């Protein structure tokens, strides 16, 4: 079975952070993503990473977060333990995603 694509994890991350007011701890954000989208994750997504034992979808979401920081959508860490947080560009992307979802329903 395949893994959920990084692009999908990124959309879920943008939507979830927006719903959380723009920021949240890694644990809180991942928990919320799982609550909302867990039924869409594949069996393979739930397997542990061989390198560190972290669940694959959580590890891949964290890597996607790093890509989104480089793209200017999320704020970089200033110190360990900082929350995952949207930038202004991230908020704009969130609004576009939510608006697109409303039109497709």
Protein backbone atom coordinates (compact mmCIF):
# COMPACT_ATOMS: atom_id res chain seq x y z
CA UNK A 1 0.00 0.00 0.00
CA UNK A 2 1.20 3.52 -0.77
CA UNK A 3 1.99 6.40 1.54
CA UNK A 4 -0.12 9.55 1.60
CA UNK A 5 1.65 12.08 -0.68
CA UNK A 6 3.59 14.92 0.93
CA UNK A 7 1.38 17.42 -0.91
CA UNK A 8 -1.72 16.01 0.77
CA UNK A 9 -0.03 16.10 4.18
CA UNK A 10 0.88 19.73 3.48
CA UNK A 11 -2.72 20.65 2.64
CA UNK A 12 -3.92 18.97 5.83
CA UNK A 13 -1.26 20.85 7.79
CA UNK A 14 -2.29 24.24 6.36
CA UNK A 15 -5.98 23.60 6.99
CA UNK A 16 -5.38 22.30 10.51
CA UNK A 17 -3.09 25.14 11.55
CA UNK A 18 -5.65 27.66 10.31
CA UNK A 19 -8.39 25.93 12.28
CA UNK A 20 -6.14 26.07 15.35
CA UNK A 21 -5.77 29.85 15.07
CA UNK A 22 -2.52 29.74 13.12
CA UNK A 23 -0.22 27.85 15.49
CA UNK A 24 0.11 24.80 17.67
CA UNK A 25 2.66 22.46 19.18
CA UNK A 26 3.84 19.63 16.95
CA UNK A 27 2.00 17.11 19.12
CA UNK A 28 -1.26 19.08 19.14
CA UNK A 29 -1.18 19.66 15.38
CA UNK A 30 -0.46 16.00 14.61
CA UNK A 31 -3.21 14.90 16.99
CA UNK A 32 -5.71 17.23 15.29
CA UNK A 33 -4.66 16.06 11.82
CA UNK A 34 -5.17 12.45 12.92
CA UNK A 35 -8.60 13.24 14.39
CA UNK A 36 -9.77 14.89 11.18
CA UNK A 37 -7.97 12.92 8.48
CA UNK A 38 -6.93 9.67 10.16
CA UNK A 39 -9.47 7.63 8.24
CA UNK A 40 -7.77 8.74 4.99
CA UNK A 41 -4.31 7.58 6.06
CA UNK A 42 -3.10 4.31 4.59
CA UNK A 43 -2.02 1.22 6.48
CA UNK A 44 1.57 1.97 5.46
CA UNK A 45 1.30 5.51 6.90
CA UNK A 46 0.88 3.96 10.34
CA UNK A 47 4.05 1.84 10.19
CA UNK A 48 7.14 2.97 12.13
CA UNK A 49 10.08 4.60 10.37
CA UNK A 50 13.00 2.12 10.41
CA UNK A 51 15.45 4.92 11.27
CA UNK A 52 13.78 6.32 14.39
CA UNK A 53 10.56 4.41 15.11
CA UNK A 54 8.36 7.46 14.54
CA UNK A 55 5.07 6.74 12.76
CA UNK A 56 5.60 7.35 9.04
CA UNK A 57 2.82 9.87 8.45
CA UNK A 58 3.96 11.94 11.45
CA UNK A 59 7.57 11.87 10.28
CA UNK A 60 6.58 12.76 6.73
CA UNK A 61 4.35 15.61 7.97
CA UNK A 62 7.31 17.01 9.93
CA UNK A 63 9.47 16.86 6.78
CA UNK A 64 6.68 18.54 4.83
CA UNK A 65 6.59 21.25 7.48
CA UNK A 66 10.31 21.89 6.82
CA UNK A 67 9.61 22.24 3.09
CA UNK A 68 6.80 24.67 3.87
CA UNK A 69 9.14 26.74 6.06
CA UNK A 70 11.53 27.02 3.10
CA UNK A 71 8.58 28.00 0.89
CA UNK A 72 7.65 30.78 3.35
CA UNK A 73 4.32 29.25 4.41
CA UNK A 74 5.33 28.37 7.98
CA UNK A 75 7.56 30.18 10.45
CA UNK A 76 10.97 28.67 11.19
CA UNK A 77 11.88 27.60 14.70
CA UNK A 78 13.64 30.28 16.71
CA UNK A 79 14.32 27.81 19.51
CA UNK A 80 13.56 24.18 20.28
CA UNK A 81 9.93 23.57 21.17
CA UNK A 82 8.52 26.54 19.27
CA UNK A 83 5.04 25.92 17.83
CA UNK A 84 4.36 25.20 14.20
CA UNK A 85 2.92 28.50 12.93
CA UNK A 86 1.57 30.01 9.72
CA UNK A 87 3.16 33.06 8.11
CA UNK A 88 1.07 35.63 6.24
CA UNK A 89 1.69 33.59 3.07
CA UNK A 90 0.60 30.48 4.96
CA UNK A 91 -2.62 32.19 6.01
CA UNK A 92 -3.27 33.15 2.38
CA UNK A 93 -2.70 29.52 1.32
CA UNK A 94 -5.01 28.34 4.12
CA UNK A 95 -7.77 30.71 3.00
CA UNK A 96 -7.39 29.57 -0.62
CA UNK A 97 -7.64 25.90 0.41
CA UNK A 98 -10.68 26.48 2.61
CA UNK A 99 -12.35 28.58 -0.09
CA UNK A 100 -11.69 25.84 -2.64
CA UNK A 101 -13.19 23.21 -0.33
CA UNK A 102 -16.34 25.28 0.13
CA UNK A 103 -16.80 25.63 -3.63
CA UNK A 104 -16.36 21.89 -4.21
CA UNK A 105 -19.01 20.85 -1.67
